[in-house]
């Protein structure tokens, strides 16, 4: 299934919630920033997956977006933690 940008945003929203559940803890921006990071991770992950020819199902696309969201959340925590010293 080939998603457009709106589809990846919706999948990214789901991915943001899943990323928050997978990586619990206090985030500097709270749940809304985490969800926005999930949306961005979903769009980036979707773009990369489309370019690589990966995907094809709803579950696979959600996993790709969740992986992108987890990676961005991890990087966000590193940047914010180092900045607020």
PDB file of N, CA and C in Angstrom:
ATOM      1  N   UNK A   1       0.853  -1.171   0.000  1.00  0.00           N
ATOM      2  CA  UNK A   1       0.000   0.000   0.000  1.00  0.00           C
ATOM      3  C   UNK A   1       0.899   1.233   0.000  1.00  0.00           C
ATOM      4  N   UNK A   2       0.695   2.100  -0.949  1.00  0.00           N
ATOM      5  CA  UNK A   2       1.501   3.300  -1.080  1.00  0.00           C
ATOM      6  C   UNK A   2       0.763   4.457  -0.419  1.00  0.00           C
ATOM      7  N   UNK A   3       1.373   5.006   0.624  1.00  0.00           N
ATOM      8  CA  UNK A   3       0.764   6.120   1.340  1.00  0.00           C
ATOM      9  C   UNK A   3       1.219   7.434   0.746  1.00  0.00           C
ATOM     10  N   UNK A   4       0.350   8.397   0.792  1.00  0.00           N
ATOM     11  CA  UNK A   4       0.735   9.762   0.464  1.00  0.00           C
ATOM     12  C   UNK A   4       1.231  10.432   1.735  1.00  0.00           C
ATOM     13  N   UNK A   5       1.494  11.709   1.657  1.00  0.00           N
ATOM     14  CA  UNK A   5       2.014  12.434   2.812  1.00  0.00           C
ATOM     15  C   UNK A   5       1.001  12.434   3.956  1.00  0.00           C
ATOM     16  N   UNK A   6      -0.284  12.559   3.653  1.00  0.00           N
ATOM     17  CA  UNK A   6      -1.299  12.554   4.704  1.00  0.00           C
ATOM     18  C   UNK A   6      -1.373  11.196   5.382  1.00  0.00           C
ATOM     19  N   UNK A   7      -1.237  10.139   4.619  1.00  0.00           N
ATOM     20  CA  UNK A   7      -1.240   8.795   5.197  1.00  0.00           C
ATOM     21  C   UNK A   7      -0.077   8.589   6.146  1.00  0.00           C
ATOM     22  N   UNK A   8       1.117   9.077   5.746  1.00  0.00           N
ATOM     23  CA  UNK A   8       2.282   8.928   6.621  1.00  0.00           C
ATOM     24  C   UNK A   8       2.163   9.805   7.858  1.00  0.00           C
ATOM     25  N   UNK A   9       1.476  10.940   7.761  1.00  0.00           N
ATOM     26  CA  UNK A   9       1.256  11.771   8.945  1.00  0.00           C
ATOM     27  C   UNK A   9       0.363  11.038   9.940  1.00  0.00           C
ATOM     28  N   UNK A  10      -0.680  10.406   9.444  1.00  0.00           N
ATOM     29  CA  UNK A  10      -1.574   9.646  10.328  1.00  0.00           C
ATOM     30  C   UNK A  10      -0.848   8.461  10.934  1.00  0.00           C
ATOM     31  N   UNK A  11      -0.079   7.750  10.117  1.00  0.00           N
ATOM     32  CA  UNK A  11       0.710   6.633  10.639  1.00  0.00           C
ATOM     33  C   UNK A  11       1.739   7.155  11.637  1.00  0.00           C
ATOM     34  N   UNK A  12       2.324   8.324  11.365  1.00  0.00           N
ATOM     35  CA  UNK A  12       3.283   8.936  12.283  1.00  0.00           C
ATOM     36  C   UNK A  12       2.661   9.302  13.615  1.00  0.00           C
ATOM     37  N   UNK A  13       1.408   9.704  13.594  1.00  0.00           N
ATOM     38  CA  UNK A  13       0.697   9.990  14.838  1.00  0.00           C
ATOM     39  C   UNK A  13       0.602   8.736  15.689  1.00  0.00           C
ATOM     40  N   UNK A  14       0.244   7.640  15.072  1.00  0.00           N
ATOM     41  CA  UNK A  14       0.204   6.355  15.778  1.00  0.00           C
ATOM     42  C   UNK A  14       1.597   5.979  16.256  1.00  0.00           C
ATOM     43  N   UNK A  15       2.592   6.201  15.406  1.00  0.00           N
ATOM     44  CA  UNK A  15       3.971   5.872  15.757  1.00  0.00           C
ATOM     45  C   UNK A  15       4.464   6.705  16.935  1.00  0.00           C
ATOM     46  N   UNK A  16       4.068   7.967  16.998  1.00  0.00           N
ATOM     47  CA  UNK A  16       4.462   8.813  18.121  1.00  0.00           C
ATOM     48  C   UNK A  16       3.932   8.287  19.445  1.00  0.00           C
ATOM     49  N   UNK A  17       2.700   7.844  19.438  1.00  0.00           N
ATOM     50  CA  UNK A  17       2.120   7.259  20.648  1.00  0.00           C
ATOM     51  C   UNK A  17       2.848   5.957  21.007  1.00  0.00           C
ATOM     52  N   UNK A  18       3.120   5.123  20.007  1.00  0.00           N
ATOM     53  CA  UNK A  18       3.844   3.875  20.267  1.00  0.00           C
ATOM     54  C   UNK A  18       5.266   4.142  20.761  1.00  0.00           C
ATOM     55  N   UNK A  19       5.923   5.137  20.182  1.00  0.00           N
ATOM     56  CA  UNK A  19       7.282   5.477  20.613  1.00  0.00           C
ATOM     57  C   UNK A  19       7.285   5.922  22.077  1.00  0.00           C
ATOM     58  N   UNK A  20       6.284   6.664  22.474  1.00  0.00           N
ATOM     59  CA  UNK A  20       6.179   7.104  23.869  1.00  0.00           C
ATOM     60  C   UNK A  20       5.968   5.917  24.792  1.00  0.00           C
ATOM     61  N   UNK A  21       5.195   4.929  24.340  1.00  0.00           N
ATOM     62  CA  UNK A  21       4.977   3.739  25.150  1.00  0.00           C
ATOM     63  C   UNK A  21       6.233   2.871  25.224  1.00  0.00           C
ATOM     64  N   UNK A  22       6.979   2.803  24.120  1.00  0.00           N
ATOM     65  CA  UNK A  22       8.187   1.976  24.075  1.00  0.00           C
ATOM     66  C   UNK A  22       9.327   2.636  24.848  1.00  0.00           C
ATOM     67  N   UNK A  23       9.411   3.959  24.765  1.00  0.00           N
ATOM     68  CA  UNK A  23      10.479   4.707  25.446  1.00  0.00           C
ATOM     69  C   UNK A  23       9.863   5.584  26.532  1.00  0.00           C
ATOM     70  N   UNK A  24       9.461   4.980  27.641  1.00  0.00           N
ATOM     71  CA  UNK A  24       8.846   5.794  28.694  1.00  0.00           C
ATOM     72  C   UNK A  24       9.891   6.700  29.345  1.00  0.00           C
ATOM     73  N   UNK A  25       9.411   7.656  30.031  1.00  0.00           N
ATOM     74  CA  UNK A  25      10.290   8.587  30.716  1.00  0.00           C
ATOM     75  C   UNK A  25       9.776   9.994  30.535  1.00  0.00           C
ATOM     76  N   UNK A  26      10.395  10.881  31.270  1.00  0.00           N
ATOM     77  CA  UNK A  26       9.973  12.268  31.201  1.00  0.00           C
ATOM     78  C   UNK A  26      10.681  12.951  30.045  1.00  0.00           C
ATOM     79  N   UNK A  27       9.903  13.390  29.083  1.00  0.00           N
ATOM     80  CA  UNK A  27      10.443  14.115  27.953  1.00  0.00           C
ATOM     81  C   UNK A  27      10.288  15.607  28.213  1.00  0.00           C
ATOM     82  N   UNK A  28      11.259  16.383  27.795  1.00  0.00           N
ATOM     83  CA  UNK A  28      11.186  17.829  28.024  1.00  0.00           C
ATOM     84  C   UNK A  28       9.961  18.487  27.397  1.00  0.00           C
ATOM     85  N   UNK A  29       9.476  17.953  26.296  1.00  0.00           N
ATOM     86  CA  UNK A  29       8.350  18.577  25.615  1.00  0.00           C
ATOM     87  C   UNK A  29       7.006  17.957  25.945  1.00  0.00           C
ATOM     88  N   UNK A  30       6.990  16.857  26.636  1.00  0.00           N
ATOM     89  CA  UNK A  30       5.737  16.199  26.963  1.00  0.00           C
ATOM     90  C   UNK A  30       5.213  15.343  25.823  1.00  0.00           C
ATOM     91  N   UNK A  31       3.983  14.888  25.964  1.00  0.00           N
ATOM     92  CA  UNK A  31       3.384  13.953  25.022  1.00  0.00           C
ATOM     93  C   UNK A  31       3.156  14.599  23.655  1.00  0.00           C
ATOM     94  N   UNK A  32       2.845  15.892  23.617  1.00  0.00           N
ATOM     95  CA  UNK A  32       2.562  16.538  22.337  1.00  0.00           C
ATOM     96  C   UNK A  32       3.812  16.645  21.466  1.00  0.00           C
ATOM     97  N   UNK A  33       4.938  16.975  22.082  1.00  0.00           N
ATOM     98  CA  UNK A  33       6.195  17.027  21.329  1.00  0.00           C
ATOM     99  C   UNK A  33       6.557  15.625  20.861  1.00  0.00           C
ATOM    100  N   UNK A  34       6.329  14.630  21.703  1.00  0.00           N
ATOM    101  CA  UNK A  34       6.615  13.248  21.326  1.00  0.00           C
ATOM    102  C   UNK A  34       5.770  12.830  20.135  1.00  0.00           C
ATOM    103  N   UNK A  35       4.508  13.206  20.128  1.00  0.00           N
ATOM    104  CA  UNK A  35       3.632  12.871  19.006  1.00  0.00           C
ATOM    105  C   UNK A  35       4.085  13.600  17.740  1.00  0.00           C
ATOM    106  N   UNK A  36       4.475  14.865  17.874  1.00  0.00           N
ATOM    107  CA  UNK A  36       4.990  15.594  16.714  1.00  0.00           C
ATOM    108  C   UNK A  36       6.269  14.946  16.185  1.00  0.00           C
ATOM    109  N   UNK A  37       7.124  14.503  17.093  1.00  0.00           N
ATOM    110  CA  UNK A  37       8.332  13.781  16.684  1.00  0.00           C
ATOM    111  C   UNK A  37       7.933  12.490  15.965  1.00  0.00           C
ATOM    112  N   UNK A  38       6.887  11.838  16.440  1.00  0.00           N
ATOM    113  CA  UNK A  38       6.384  10.640  15.769  1.00  0.00           C
ATOM    114  C   UNK A  38       5.887  10.922  14.366  1.00  0.00           C
ATOM    115  N   UNK A  39       5.212  12.043  14.197  1.00  0.00           N
ATOM    116  CA  UNK A  39       4.729  12.412  12.866  1.00  0.00           C
ATOM    117  C   UNK A  39       5.904  12.659  11.935  1.00  0.00           C
ATOM    118  N   UNK A  40       6.895  13.411  12.415  1.00  0.00           N
ATOM    119  CA  UNK A  40       8.082  13.671  11.596  1.00  0.00           C
ATOM    120  C   UNK A  40       8.822  12.368  11.309  1.00  0.00           C
ATOM    121  N   UNK A  41       8.960  11.515  12.325  1.00  0.00           N
ATOM    122  CA  UNK A  41       9.603  10.213  12.125  1.00  0.00           C
ATOM    123  C   UNK A  41       8.845   9.347  11.139  1.00  0.00           C
ATOM    124  N   UNK A  42       7.520   9.419  11.196  1.00  0.00           N
ATOM    125  CA  UNK A  42       6.709   8.659  10.256  1.00  0.00           C
ATOM    126  C   UNK A  42       6.875   9.133   8.827  1.00  0.00           C
ATOM    127  N   UNK A  43       6.916  10.448   8.646  1.00  0.00           N
ATOM    128  CA  UNK A  43       7.088  10.995   7.298  1.00  0.00           C
ATOM    129  C   UNK A  43       8.480  10.661   6.766  1.00  0.00           C
ATOM    130  N   UNK A  44       9.501  10.856   7.606  1.00  0.00           N
ATOM    131  CA  UNK A  44      10.873  10.541   7.174  1.00  0.00           C
ATOM    132  C   UNK A  44      11.030   9.041   6.925  1.00  0.00           C
ATOM    133  N   UNK A  45      10.547   8.231   7.866  1.00  0.00           N
ATOM    134  CA  UNK A  45      10.625   6.780   7.690  1.00  0.00           C
ATOM    135  C   UNK A  45       9.858   6.320   6.461  1.00  0.00           C
ATOM    136  N   UNK A  46       8.703   6.918   6.233  1.00  0.00           N
ATOM    137  CA  UNK A  46       7.914   6.570   5.052  1.00  0.00           C
ATOM    138  C   UNK A  46       8.605   6.944   3.762  1.00  0.00           C
ATOM    139  N   UNK A  47       9.237   8.109   3.749  1.00  0.00           N
ATOM    140  CA  UNK A  47       9.961   8.537   2.563  1.00  0.00           C
ATOM    141  C   UNK A  47      11.125   7.588   2.273  1.00  0.00           C
ATOM    142  N   UNK A  48      11.890   7.277   3.302  1.00  0.00           N
ATOM    143  CA  UNK A  48      13.036   6.373   3.127  1.00  0.00           C
ATOM    144  C   UNK A  48      12.566   4.988   2.700  1.00  0.00           C
ATOM    145  N   UNK A  49      11.510   4.483   3.344  1.00  0.00           N
ATOM    146  CA  UNK A  49      10.997   3.153   3.000  1.00  0.00           C
ATOM    147  C   UNK A  49      10.483   3.117   1.563  1.00  0.00           C
ATOM    148  N   UNK A  50       9.822   4.178   1.138  1.00  0.00           N
ATOM    149  CA  UNK A  50       9.330   4.238  -0.235  1.00  0.00           C
ATOM    150  C   UNK A  50      10.483   4.240  -1.230  1.00  0.00           C
ATOM    151  N   UNK A  51      11.526   4.989  -0.918  1.00  0.00           N
ATOM    152  CA  UNK A  51      12.687   5.041  -1.800  1.00  0.00           C
ATOM    153  C   UNK A  51      13.411   3.697  -1.881  1.00  0.00           C
ATOM    154  N   UNK A  52      13.389   2.943  -0.774  1.00  0.00           N
ATOM    155  CA  UNK A  52      14.044   1.635  -0.740  1.00  0.00           C
ATOM    156  C   UNK A  52      13.133   0.504  -1.206  1.00  0.00           C
ATOM    157  N   UNK A  53      11.858   0.814  -1.431  1.00  0.00           N
ATOM    158  CA  UNK A  53      10.915  -0.212  -1.870  1.00  0.00           C
ATOM    159  C   UNK A  53      10.448  -1.108  -0.741  1.00  0.00           C
ATOM    160  N   UNK A  54      10.565  -0.631   0.495  1.00  0.00           N
ATOM    161  CA  UNK A  54      10.142  -1.403   1.669  1.00  0.00           C
ATOM    162  C   UNK A  54       8.730  -0.962   2.038  1.00  0.00           C
ATOM    163  N   UNK A  55       7.975  -1.857   2.576  1.00  0.00           N
ATOM    164  CA  UNK A  55       6.626  -1.524   3.016  1.00  0.00           C
ATOM    165  C   UNK A  55       5.630  -2.410   2.296  1.00  0.00           C
ATOM    166  N   UNK A  56       4.409  -1.995   2.313  1.00  0.00           N
ATOM    167  CA  UNK A  56       3.404  -2.745   1.598  1.00  0.00           C
ATOM    168  C   UNK A  56       2.224  -3.129   2.442  1.00  0.00           C
ATOM    169  N   UNK A  57       2.332  -3.001   3.734  1.00  0.00           N
ATOM    170  CA  UNK A  57       1.204  -3.339   4.592  1.00  0.00           C
ATOM    171  C   UNK A  57       1.098  -2.341   5.722  1.00  0.00           C
ATOM    172  N   UNK A  58      -0.069  -2.262   6.303  1.00  0.00           N
ATOM    173  CA  UNK A  58      -0.284  -1.302   7.379  1.00  0.00           C
ATOM    174  C   UNK A  58       0.633  -1.555   8.558  1.00  0.00           C
ATOM    175  N   UNK A  59       0.795  -2.817   8.953  1.00  0.00           N
ATOM    176  CA  UNK A  59       1.632  -3.149  10.101  1.00  0.00           C
ATOM    177  C   UNK A  59       3.087  -2.802   9.810  1.00  0.00           C
ATOM    178  N   UNK A  60       3.569  -3.135   8.633  1.00  0.00           N
ATOM    179  CA  UNK A  60       4.956  -2.835   8.262  1.00  0.00           C
ATOM    180  C   UNK A  60       5.181  -1.329   8.257  1.00  0.00           C
ATOM    181  N   UNK A  61       4.242  -0.584   7.720  1.00  0.00           N
ATOM    182  CA  UNK A  61       4.375   0.869   7.673  1.00  0.00           C
ATOM    183  C   UNK A  61       4.363   1.483   9.075  1.00  0.00           C
ATOM    184  N   UNK A  62       3.539   0.955   9.955  1.00  0.00           N
ATOM    185  CA  UNK A  62       3.516   1.442  11.335  1.00  0.00           C
ATOM    186  C   UNK A  62       4.838   1.114  12.023  1.00  0.00           C
ATOM    187  N   UNK A  63       5.391  -0.057  11.766  1.00  0.00           N
ATOM    188  CA  UNK A  63       6.690  -0.417  12.346  1.00  0.00           C
ATOM    189  C   UNK A  63       7.802   0.493  11.827  1.00  0.00           C
ATOM    190  N   UNK A  64       7.783   0.799  10.542  1.00  0.00           N
ATOM    191  CA  UNK A  64       8.779   1.703   9.960  1.00  0.00           C
ATOM    192  C   UNK A  64       8.659   3.089  10.592  1.00  0.00           C
ATOM    193  N   UNK A  65       7.449   3.593  10.691  1.00  0.00           N
ATOM    194  CA  UNK A  65       7.234   4.913  11.279  1.00  0.00           C
ATOM    195  C   UNK A  65       7.608   4.925  12.757  1.00  0.00           C
ATOM    196  N   UNK A  66       7.310   3.845  13.471  1.00  0.00           N
ATOM    197  CA  UNK A  66       7.658   3.767  14.887  1.00  0.00           C
ATOM    198  C   UNK A  66       9.170   3.747  15.063  1.00  0.00           C
ATOM    199  N   UNK A  67       9.871   3.020  14.211  1.00  0.00           N
ATOM    200  CA  UNK A  67      11.334   3.005  14.285  1.00  0.00           C
ATOM    201  C   UNK A  67      11.889   4.405  14.039  1.00  0.00           C
ATOM    202  N   UNK A  68      11.350   5.113  13.070  1.00  0.00           N
ATOM    203  CA  UNK A  68      11.776   6.488  12.817  1.00  0.00           C
ATOM    204  C   UNK A  68      11.478   7.398  13.994  1.00  0.00           C
ATOM    205  N   UNK A  69      10.318   7.218  14.620  1.00  0.00           N
ATOM    206  CA  UNK A  69       9.945   8.038  15.769  1.00  0.00           C
ATOM    207  C   UNK A  69      10.839   7.750  16.968  1.00  0.00           C
ATOM    208  N   UNK A  70      11.155   6.480  17.187  1.00  0.00           N
ATOM    209  CA  UNK A  70      12.030   6.122  18.304  1.00  0.00           C
ATOM    210  C   UNK A  70      13.423   6.715  18.090  1.00  0.00           C
ATOM    211  N   UNK A  71      13.919   6.633  16.870  1.00  0.00           N
ATOM    212  CA  UNK A  71      15.230   7.203  16.570  1.00  0.00           C
ATOM    213  C   UNK A  71      15.229   8.720  16.794  1.00  0.00           C
ATOM    214  N   UNK A  72      14.216   9.408  16.299  1.00  0.00           N
ATOM    215  CA  UNK A  72      14.150  10.857  16.496  1.00  0.00           C
ATOM    216  C   UNK A  72      13.962  11.225  17.963  1.00  0.00           C
ATOM    217  N   UNK A  73      13.166  10.447  18.694  1.00  0.00           N
ATOM    218  CA  UNK A  73      12.970  10.708  20.115  1.00  0.00           C
ATOM    219  C   UNK A  73      14.269  10.521  20.879  1.00  0.00           C
ATOM    220  N   UNK A  74      15.021   9.489  20.535  1.00  0.00           N
ATOM    221  CA  UNK A  74      16.316   9.254  21.160  1.00  0.00           C
ATOM    222  C   UNK A  74      17.263  10.429  20.893  1.00  0.00           C
ATOM    223  N   UNK A  75      17.330  10.867  19.642  1.00  0.00           N
ATOM    224  CA  UNK A  75      18.192  11.999  19.291  1.00  0.00           C
ATOM    225  C   UNK A  75      17.722  13.287  19.972  1.00  0.00           C
ATOM    226  N   UNK A  76      16.427  13.471  20.055  1.00  0.00           N
ATOM    227  CA  UNK A  76      15.866  14.653  20.720  1.00  0.00           C
ATOM    228  C   UNK A  76      16.256  14.675  22.189  1.00  0.00           C
ATOM    229  N   UNK A  77      16.157  13.525  22.851  1.00  0.00           N
ATOM    230  CA  UNK A  77      16.534  13.455  24.265  1.00  0.00           C
ATOM    231  C   UNK A  77      18.015  13.746  24.454  1.00  0.00           C
ATOM    232  N   UNK A  78      18.858  13.261  23.547  1.00  0.00           N
ATOM    233  CA  UNK A  78      20.292  13.551  23.643  1.00  0.00           C
ATOM    234  C   UNK A  78      20.572  15.039  23.497  1.00  0.00           C
ATOM    235  N   UNK A  79      19.944  15.669  22.519  1.00  0.00           N
ATOM    236  CA  UNK A  79      20.189  17.086  22.255  1.00  0.00           C
ATOM    237  C   UNK A  79      19.685  17.947  23.408  1.00  0.00           C
ATOM    238  N   UNK A  80      18.479  17.677  23.878  1.00  0.00           N
ATOM    239  CA  UNK A  80      17.887  18.498  24.931  1.00  0.00           C
ATOM    240  C   UNK A  80      18.623  18.274  26.255  1.00  0.00           C
ATOM    241  N   UNK A  81      19.031  17.053  26.534  1.00  0.00           N
ATOM    242  CA  UNK A  81      19.742  16.758  27.772  1.00  0.00           C
ATOM    243  C   UNK A  81      21.087  17.488  27.794  1.00  0.00           C
ATOM    244  N   UNK A  82      21.783  17.522  26.681  1.00  0.00           N
ATOM    245  CA  UNK A  82      23.082  18.186  26.619  1.00  0.00           C
ATOM    246  C   UNK A  82      22.948  19.708  26.633  1.00  0.00           C
ATOM    247  N   UNK A  83      21.826  20.216  26.211  1.00  0.00           N
ATOM    248  CA  UNK A  83      21.629  21.659  26.151  1.00  0.00           C
ATOM    249  C   UNK A  83      21.211  22.240  27.491  1.00  0.00           C
ATOM    250  N   UNK A  84      20.529  21.478  28.323  1.00  0.00           N
ATOM    251  CA  UNK A  84      20.026  21.990  29.605  1.00  0.00           C
ATOM    252  C   UNK A  84      20.924  21.570  30.749  1.00  0.00           C
ATOM    253  N   UNK A  85      22.156  21.996  30.706  1.00  0.00           N
ATOM    254  CA  UNK A  85      23.108  21.638  31.771  1.00  0.00           C
ATOM    255  C   UNK A  85      23.253  22.785  32.726  1.00  0.00           C
TER     256      UNK A  85
END
